[in-house]
PDB file of N, CA and C in Angstrom:
ATOM      1  N   MET A   1     -33.805  31.058  73.130  1.00  0.00           N
ATOM      2  CA  MET A   1     -32.762  30.750  72.196  1.00  0.00           C
ATOM      3  C   MET A   1     -32.202  32.033  71.609  1.00  0.00           C
ATOM      4  N   ASN A   2     -30.872  32.100  71.578  1.00  0.00           N
ATOM      5  CA  ASN A   2     -30.210  33.269  71.007  1.00  0.00           C
ATOM      6  C   ASN A   2     -29.867  33.067  69.541  1.00  0.00           C
ATOM      7  N   ASN A   3     -29.754  31.789  69.144  1.00  0.00           N
ATOM      8  CA  ASN A   3     -29.457  31.437  67.759  1.00  0.00           C
ATOM      9  C   ASN A   3     -28.128  31.974  67.251  1.00  0.00           C
ATOM     10  N   HIS A   4     -27.094  31.981  68.111  1.00  0.00           N
ATOM     11  CA  HIS A   4     -25.747  32.282  67.644  1.00  0.00           C
ATOM     12  C   HIS A   4     -25.292  31.089  66.817  1.00  0.00           C
ATOM     13  N   THR A   5     -24.653  31.332  65.683  1.00  0.00           N
ATOM     14  CA  THR A   5     -24.219  30.256  64.801  1.00  0.00           C
ATOM     15  C   THR A   5     -22.765  30.467  64.405  1.00  0.00           C
ATOM     16  N   VAL A   6     -22.004  29.360  64.442  1.00  0.00           N
ATOM     17  CA  VAL A   6     -20.596  29.378  64.048  1.00  0.00           C
ATOM     18  C   VAL A   6     -20.391  28.250  63.038  1.00  0.00           C
ATOM     19  N   ALA A   7     -19.748  28.556  61.910  1.00  0.00           N
ATOM     20  CA  ALA A   7     -19.427  27.507  60.937  1.00  0.00           C
ATOM     21  C   ALA A   7     -18.563  26.460  61.630  1.00  0.00           C
ATOM     22  N   ASN A   8     -18.908  25.187  61.465  1.00  0.00           N
ATOM     23  CA  ASN A   8     -18.247  24.104  62.198  1.00  0.00           C
ATOM     24  C   ASN A   8     -17.718  23.051  61.235  1.00  0.00           C
ATOM     25  N   ASN A   9     -16.409  22.839  61.281  1.00  0.00           N
ATOM     26  CA  ASN A   9     -15.789  21.798  60.462  1.00  0.00           C
ATOM     27  C   ASN A   9     -15.156  20.712  61.325  1.00  0.00           C
ATOM     28  N   GLY A  10     -15.483  20.712  62.612  1.00  0.00           N
ATOM     29  CA  GLY A  10     -14.908  19.738  63.530  1.00  0.00           C
ATOM     30  C   GLY A  10     -13.597  20.203  64.147  1.00  0.00           C
ATOM     31  N   ARG A  11     -13.158  21.378  63.770  1.00  0.00           N
ATOM     32  CA  ARG A  11     -11.906  21.936  64.302  1.00  0.00           C
ATOM     33  C   ARG A  11     -12.150  23.300  64.931  1.00  0.00           C
ATOM     34  N   VAL A  12     -13.344  23.487  65.478  1.00  0.00           N
ATOM     35  CA  VAL A  12     -13.723  24.755  66.088  1.00  0.00           C
ATOM     36  C   VAL A  12     -13.682  24.618  67.607  1.00  0.00           C
ATOM     37  N   VAL A  13     -13.061  25.585  68.247  1.00  0.00           N
ATOM     38  CA  VAL A  13     -13.056  25.688  69.709  1.00  0.00           C
ATOM     39  C   VAL A  13     -13.669  27.044  70.043  1.00  0.00           C
ATOM     40  N   LEU A  14     -14.532  27.063  71.038  1.00  0.00           N
ATOM     41  CA  LEU A  14     -15.128  28.318  71.488  1.00  0.00           C
ATOM     42  C   LEU A  14     -14.557  28.707  72.835  1.00  0.00           C
ATOM     43  N   LEU A  15     -14.117  29.950  72.940  1.00  0.00           N
ATOM     44  CA  LEU A  15     -13.737  30.522  74.231  1.00  0.00           C
ATOM     45  C   LEU A  15     -14.936  31.316  74.709  1.00  0.00           C
ATOM     46  N   VAL A  16     -15.434  30.973  75.892  1.00  0.00           N
ATOM     47  CA  VAL A  16     -16.610  31.647  76.444  1.00  0.00           C
ATOM     48  C   VAL A  16     -16.181  32.340  77.725  1.00  0.00           C
ATOM     49  N   GLN A  17     -16.301  33.662  77.730  1.00  0.00           N
ATOM     50  CA  GLN A  17     -15.881  34.476  78.867  1.00  0.00           C
ATOM     51  C   GLN A  17     -17.097  35.043  79.578  1.00  0.00           C
ATOM     52  N   ASN A  18     -17.121  34.909  80.907  1.00  0.00           N
ATOM     53  CA  ASN A  18     -18.164  35.520  81.721  1.00  0.00           C
ATOM     54  C   ASN A  18     -17.603  36.836  82.240  1.00  0.00           C
ATOM     55  N   THR A  19     -18.064  37.940  81.665  1.00  0.00           N
ATOM     56  CA  THR A  19     -17.558  39.255  82.048  1.00  0.00           C
ATOM     57  C   THR A  19     -18.285  39.838  83.255  1.00  0.00           C
ATOM     58  N   GLY A  20     -19.256  39.110  83.773  1.00  0.00           N
ATOM     59  CA  GLY A  20     -20.031  39.586  84.909  1.00  0.00           C
ATOM     60  C   GLY A  20     -19.239  39.546  86.207  1.00  0.00           C
ATOM     61  N   SER A  21     -19.807  40.158  87.226  1.00  0.00           N
ATOM     62  CA  SER A  21     -19.128  40.209  88.520  1.00  0.00           C
ATOM     63  C   SER A  21     -19.939  39.603  89.656  1.00  0.00           C
ATOM     64  N   THR A  22     -21.114  39.027  89.322  1.00  0.00           N
ATOM     65  CA  THR A  22     -21.953  38.529  90.414  1.00  0.00           C
ATOM     66  C   THR A  22     -22.460  37.102  90.260  1.00  0.00           C
ATOM     67  N   SER A  23     -22.585  36.589  89.036  1.00  0.00           N
ATOM     68  CA  SER A  23     -23.238  35.286  88.871  1.00  0.00           C
ATOM     69  C   SER A  23     -22.559  34.416  87.824  1.00  0.00           C
ATOM     70  N   SER A  24     -22.615  33.105  88.064  1.00  0.00           N
ATOM     71  CA  SER A  24     -22.233  32.150  87.032  1.00  0.00           C
ATOM     72  C   SER A  24     -23.289  32.214  85.934  1.00  0.00           C
ATOM     73  N   ARG A  25     -22.881  31.899  84.711  1.00  0.00           N
ATOM     74  CA  ARG A  25     -23.789  31.949  83.569  1.00  0.00           C
ATOM     75  C   ARG A  25     -23.731  30.638  82.813  1.00  0.00           C
ATOM     76  N   THR A  26     -24.764  30.365  82.020  1.00  0.00           N
ATOM     77  CA  THR A  26     -24.875  29.092  81.311  1.00  0.00           C
ATOM     78  C   THR A  26     -24.794  29.301  79.804  1.00  0.00           C
ATOM     79  N   VAL A  27     -24.007  28.433  79.164  1.00  0.00           N
ATOM     80  CA  VAL A  27     -23.914  28.395  77.709  1.00  0.00           C
ATOM     81  C   VAL A  27     -24.486  27.057  77.259  1.00  0.00           C
ATOM     82  N   THR A  28     -25.212  27.064  76.152  1.00  0.00           N
ATOM     83  CA  THR A  28     -25.857  25.861  75.637  1.00  0.00           C
ATOM     84  C   THR A  28     -25.410  25.609  74.202  1.00  0.00           C
ATOM     85  N   PHE A  29     -25.013  24.361  73.940  1.00  0.00           N
ATOM     86  CA  PHE A  29     -24.614  23.936  72.603  1.00  0.00           C
ATOM     87  C   PHE A  29     -25.688  22.979  72.106  1.00  0.00           C
ATOM     88  N   ARG A  30     -26.395  23.376  71.049  1.00  0.00           N
ATOM     89  CA  ARG A  30     -27.495  22.554  70.548  1.00  0.00           C
ATOM     90  C   ARG A  30     -26.976  21.488  69.595  1.00  0.00           C
ATOM     91  N   LEU A  31     -27.454  20.268  69.768  1.00  0.00           N
ATOM     92  CA  LEU A  31     -27.062  19.150  68.914  1.00  0.00           C
ATOM     93  C   LEU A  31     -27.957  19.101  67.691  1.00  0.00           C
ATOM     94  N   ALA A  32     -27.348  18.799  66.551  1.00  0.00           N
ATOM     95  CA  ALA A  32     -28.090  18.789  65.287  1.00  0.00           C
ATOM     96  C   ALA A  32     -28.744  17.446  65.011  1.00  0.00           C
ATOM     97  N   ARG A  33     -28.260  16.385  65.628  1.00  0.00           N
ATOM     98  CA  ARG A  33     -28.772  15.059  65.292  1.00  0.00           C
ATOM     99  C   ARG A  33     -29.962  14.674  66.166  1.00  0.00           C
ATOM    100  N   THR A  34     -30.621  13.625  65.738  1.00  0.00           N
ATOM    101  CA  THR A  34     -31.720  13.065  66.511  1.00  0.00           C
ATOM    102  C   THR A  34     -31.416  11.592  66.776  1.00  0.00           C
ATOM    103  N   VAL A  35     -32.105  11.025  67.756  1.00  0.00           N
ATOM    104  CA  VAL A  35     -32.003   9.595  68.062  1.00  0.00           C
ATOM    105  C   VAL A  35     -33.409   9.032  67.964  1.00  0.00           C
ATOM    106  N   ASP A  36     -33.581   8.065  67.084  1.00  0.00           N
ATOM    107  CA  ASP A  36     -34.896   7.476  66.839  1.00  0.00           C
ATOM    108  C   ASP A  36     -35.957   8.540  66.548  1.00  0.00           C
ATOM    109  N   GLY A  37     -35.545   9.602  65.852  1.00  0.00           N
ATOM    110  CA  GLY A  37     -36.466  10.662  65.471  1.00  0.00           C
ATOM    111  C   GLY A  37     -36.725  11.707  66.541  1.00  0.00           C
ATOM    112  N   PHE A  38     -36.089  11.571  67.707  1.00  0.00           N
ATOM    113  CA  PHE A  38     -36.293  12.522  68.796  1.00  0.00           C
ATOM    114  C   PHE A  38     -35.087  13.442  68.937  1.00  0.00           C
ATOM    115  N   SER A  39     -35.343  14.695  69.265  1.00  0.00           N
ATOM    116  CA  SER A  39     -34.261  15.642  69.503  1.00  0.00           C
ATOM    117  C   SER A  39     -33.447  15.211  70.714  1.00  0.00           C
ATOM    118  N   VAL A  40     -32.150  15.476  70.651  1.00  0.00           N
ATOM    119  CA  VAL A  40     -31.247  15.149  71.750  1.00  0.00           C
ATOM    120  C   VAL A  40     -31.146  16.377  72.651  1.00  0.00           C
ATOM    121  N   THR A  41     -31.132  16.155  73.956  1.00  0.00           N
ATOM    122  CA  THR A  41     -31.025  17.254  74.917  1.00  0.00           C
ATOM    123  C   THR A  41     -29.743  18.035  74.667  1.00  0.00           C
ATOM    124  N   PRO A  42     -29.821  19.364  74.556  1.00  0.00           N
ATOM    125  CA  PRO A  42     -28.631  20.169  74.317  1.00  0.00           C
ATOM    126  C   PRO A  42     -27.613  20.026  75.447  1.00  0.00           C
ATOM    127  N   ARG A  43     -26.357  20.221  75.098  1.00  0.00           N
ATOM    128  CA  ARG A  43     -25.267  20.204  76.082  1.00  0.00           C
ATOM    129  C   ARG A  43     -25.186  21.586  76.715  1.00  0.00           C
ATOM    130  N   THR A  44     -25.149  21.638  78.041  1.00  0.00           N
ATOM    131  CA  THR A  44     -25.014  22.915  78.742  1.00  0.00           C
ATOM    132  C   THR A  44     -23.778  22.888  79.621  1.00  0.00           C
ATOM    133  N   ALA A  45     -23.245  24.076  79.888  1.00  0.00           N
ATOM    134  CA  ALA A  45     -22.097  24.215  80.770  1.00  0.00           C
ATOM    135  C   ALA A  45     -22.196  25.552  81.488  1.00  0.00           C
ATOM    136  N   THR A  46     -21.621  25.612  82.672  1.00  0.00           N
ATOM    137  CA  THR A  46     -21.622  26.825  83.471  1.00  0.00           C
ATOM    138  C   THR A  46     -20.247  27.472  83.411  1.00  0.00           C
ATOM    139  N   VAL A  47     -20.244  28.784  83.281  1.00  0.00           N
ATOM    140  CA  VAL A  47     -19.004  29.555  83.288  1.00  0.00           C
ATOM    141  C   VAL A  47     -19.055  30.474  84.507  1.00  0.00           C
ATOM    142  N   ALA A  48     -18.123  30.285  85.416  1.00  0.00           N
ATOM    143  CA  ALA A  48     -18.099  31.050  86.664  1.00  0.00           C
ATOM    144  C   ALA A  48     -17.800  32.528  86.401  1.00  0.00           C
ATOM    145  N   THR A  49     -18.179  33.347  87.339  1.00  0.00           N
ATOM    146  CA  THR A  49     -17.958  34.789  87.263  1.00  0.00           C
ATOM    147  C   THR A  49     -16.489  35.102  87.016  1.00  0.00           C
ATOM    148  N   GLY A  50     -16.221  35.967  86.052  1.00  0.00           N
ATOM    149  CA  GLY A  50     -14.871  36.437  85.788  1.00  0.00           C
ATOM    150  C   GLY A  50     -13.922  35.417  85.190  1.00  0.00           C
ATOM    151  N   THR A  51     -14.439  34.310  84.656  1.00  0.00           N
ATOM    152  CA  THR A  51     -13.567  33.283  84.085  1.00  0.00           C
ATOM    153  C   THR A  51     -13.849  33.088  82.599  1.00  0.00           C
ATOM    154  N   THR A  52     -12.922  32.388  81.957  1.00  0.00           N
ATOM    155  CA  THR A  52     -13.067  32.004  80.558  1.00  0.00           C
ATOM    156  C   THR A  52     -12.873  30.504  80.459  1.00  0.00           C
ATOM    157  N   LYS A  53     -13.741  29.837  79.716  1.00  0.00           N
ATOM    158  CA  LYS A  53     -13.638  28.392  79.500  1.00  0.00           C
ATOM    159  C   LYS A  53     -13.564  28.107  78.010  1.00  0.00           C
ATOM    160  N   ALA A  54     -12.819  27.049  77.669  1.00  0.00           N
ATOM    161  CA  ALA A  54     -12.733  26.598  76.280  1.00  0.00           C
ATOM    162  C   ALA A  54     -13.624  25.373  76.108  1.00  0.00           C
ATOM    163  N   PHE A  55     -14.338  25.317  74.978  1.00  0.00           N
ATOM    164  CA  PHE A  55     -15.207  24.192  74.648  1.00  0.00           C
ATOM    165  C   PHE A  55     -14.919  23.750  73.217  1.00  0.00           C
ATOM    166  N   GLY A  56     -14.925  22.452  72.994  1.00  0.00           N
ATOM    167  CA  GLY A  56     -14.730  21.924  71.657  1.00  0.00           C
ATOM    168  C   GLY A  56     -13.518  21.032  71.602  1.00  0.00           C
ATOM    169  N   PRO A  57     -13.196  20.538  70.439  1.00  0.00           N
ATOM    170  CA  PRO A  57     -13.898  20.739  69.175  1.00  0.00           C
ATOM    171  C   PRO A  57     -15.248  20.034  69.168  1.00  0.00           C
ATOM    172  N   PHE A  58     -16.053  20.359  68.169  1.00  0.00           N
ATOM    173  CA  PHE A  58     -17.423  19.878  68.061  1.00  0.00           C
ATOM    174  C   PHE A  58     -17.571  19.025  66.806  1.00  0.00           C
ATOM    175  N   ASP A  59     -17.880  17.755  66.979  1.00  0.00           N
ATOM    176  CA  ASP A  59     -18.035  16.829  65.858  1.00  0.00           C
ATOM    177  C   ASP A  59     -19.230  17.253  65.003  1.00  0.00           C
ATOM    178  N   PRO A  60     -19.015  17.525  63.713  1.00  0.00           N
ATOM    179  CA  PRO A  60     -20.131  17.925  62.844  1.00  0.00           C
ATOM    180  C   PRO A  60     -21.241  16.880  62.761  1.00  0.00           C
ATOM    181  N   ASN A  61     -20.929  15.601  62.988  1.00  0.00           N
ATOM    182  CA  ASN A  61     -21.970  14.568  62.970  1.00  0.00           C
ATOM    183  C   ASN A  61     -22.961  14.763  64.112  1.00  0.00           C
ATOM    184  N   ASP A  62     -22.511  15.340  65.213  1.00  0.00           N
ATOM    185  CA  ASP A  62     -23.383  15.583  66.362  1.00  0.00           C
ATOM    186  C   ASP A  62     -23.933  17.003  66.390  1.00  0.00           C
ATOM    187  N   TYR A  63     -23.065  17.968  66.096  1.00  0.00           N
ATOM    188  CA  TYR A  63     -23.419  19.384  66.253  1.00  0.00           C
ATOM    189  C   TYR A  63     -23.773  20.077  64.941  1.00  0.00           C
ATOM    190  N   GLY A  64     -23.531  19.418  63.819  1.00  0.00           N
ATOM    191  CA  GLY A  64     -23.856  19.990  62.521  1.00  0.00           C
ATOM    192  C   GLY A  64     -22.741  20.854  61.962  1.00  0.00           C
ATOM    193  N   ASN A  65     -22.904  21.242  60.702  1.00  0.00           N
ATOM    194  CA  ASN A  65     -21.934  22.114  60.040  1.00  0.00           C
ATOM    195  C   ASN A  65     -22.080  23.561  60.480  1.00  0.00           C
ATOM    196  N   ASP A  66     -23.204  23.876  61.099  1.00  0.00           N
ATOM    197  CA  ASP A  66     -23.433  25.179  61.720  1.00  0.00           C
ATOM    198  C   ASP A  66     -23.691  24.941  63.200  1.00  0.00           C
ATOM    199  N   LEU A  67     -22.681  25.194  64.019  1.00  0.00           N
ATOM    200  CA  LEU A  67     -22.797  25.014  65.473  1.00  0.00           C
ATOM    201  C   LEU A  67     -23.712  26.093  66.029  1.00  0.00           C
ATOM    202  N   GLN A  68     -24.749  25.686  66.746  1.00  0.00           N
ATOM    203  CA  GLN A  68     -25.707  26.622  67.324  1.00  0.00           C
ATOM    204  C   GLN A  68     -25.449  26.745  68.820  1.00  0.00           C
ATOM    205  N   VAL A  69     -25.276  27.992  69.264  1.00  0.00           N
ATOM    206  CA  VAL A  69     -24.896  28.283  70.646  1.00  0.00           C
ATOM    207  C   VAL A  69     -25.866  29.303  71.228  1.00  0.00           C
ATOM    208  N   ASP A  70     -26.306  29.056  72.454  1.00  0.00           N
ATOM    209  CA  ASP A  70     -27.159  29.999  73.179  1.00  0.00           C
ATOM    210  C   ASP A  70     -26.474  30.376  74.489  1.00  0.00           C
ATOM    211  N   VAL A  71     -26.682  31.608  74.932  1.00  0.00           N
ATOM    212  CA  VAL A  71     -26.175  32.058  76.228  1.00  0.00           C
ATOM    213  C   VAL A  71     -27.355  32.581  77.045  1.00  0.00           C
ATOM    214  N   ASP A  72     -27.239  32.457  78.365  1.00  0.00           N
ATOM    215  CA  ASP A  72     -28.372  32.895  79.197  1.00  0.00           C
ATOM    216  C   ASP A  72     -28.271  34.354  79.613  1.00  0.00           C
ATOM    217  N   ASN A  73     -27.173  35.035  79.221  1.00  0.00           N
ATOM    218  CA  ASN A  73     -27.008  36.434  79.604  1.00  0.00           C
ATOM    219  C   ASN A  73     -25.985  37.084  78.681  1.00  0.00           C
ATOM    220  N   ALA A  74     -26.152  38.373  78.424  1.00  0.00           N
ATOM    221  CA  ALA A  74     -25.219  39.106  77.550  1.00  0.00           C
ATOM    222  C   ALA A  74     -23.830  39.240  78.169  1.00  0.00           C
ATOM    223  N   GLU A  75     -23.666  38.878  79.444  1.00  0.00           N
ATOM    224  CA  GLU A  75     -22.341  38.915  80.072  1.00  0.00           C
ATOM    225  C   GLU A  75     -21.419  37.832  79.530  1.00  0.00           C
ATOM    226  N   LEU A  76     -21.966  36.842  78.818  1.00  0.00           N
ATOM    227  CA  LEU A  76     -21.132  35.812  78.211  1.00  0.00           C
ATOM    228  C   LEU A  76     -20.695  36.277  76.830  1.00  0.00           C
ATOM    229  N   LYS A  77     -19.399  36.294  76.609  1.00  0.00           N
ATOM    230  CA  LYS A  77     -18.806  36.693  75.332  1.00  0.00           C
ATOM    231  C   LYS A  77     -18.198  35.454  74.695  1.00  0.00           C
ATOM    232  N   ILE A  78     -18.463  35.245  73.405  1.00  0.00           N
ATOM    233  CA  ILE A  78     -18.026  34.051  72.687  1.00  0.00           C
ATOM    234  C   ILE A  78     -17.001  34.427  71.624  1.00  0.00           C
ATOM    235  N   GLN A  79     -15.910  33.666  71.586  1.00  0.00           N
ATOM    236  CA  GLN A  79     -14.908  33.832  70.536  1.00  0.00           C
ATOM    237  C   GLN A  79     -14.633  32.474  69.923  1.00  0.00           C
ATOM    238  N   ALA A  80     -14.781  32.367  68.609  1.00  0.00           N
ATOM    239  CA  ALA A  80     -14.532  31.109  67.898  1.00  0.00           C
ATOM    240  C   ALA A  80     -13.107  31.080  67.383  1.00  0.00           C
ATOM    241  N   ILE A  81     -12.458  29.917  67.544  1.00  0.00           N
ATOM    242  CA  ILE A  81     -11.081  29.715  67.063  1.00  0.00           C
ATOM    243  C   ILE A  81     -11.059  28.416  66.282  1.00  0.00           C
ATOM    244  N   ARG A  82     -10.436  28.426  65.127  1.00  0.00           N
ATOM    245  CA  ARG A  82     -10.232  27.193  64.361  1.00  0.00           C
ATOM    246  C   ARG A  82      -8.854  26.655  64.690  1.00  0.00           C
ATOM    247  N   VAL A  83      -8.787  25.376  65.046  1.00  0.00           N
ATOM    248  CA  VAL A  83      -7.502  24.755  65.414  1.00  0.00           C
ATOM    249  C   VAL A  83      -7.043  23.798  64.352  1.00  0.00           C
TER     250      VAL A  83
END
């Protein structure tokens, strides 16, 4: 876990850029809620080499007021935008 945190009001979009030149990379968005007391499996997505993907917005009821994001490699760069 990288424990990147972005303030989330439900109007946040993340641009995730893979600056690498050899491999796809994975970004993980951790959910804040539980179901019947159990943690919900985090949402993951793959970002291909040399591309940028947009994710969001993120419902605070699911993702919390502090959106928690993990990346599997430092080649992934994250930029938060409020819409």
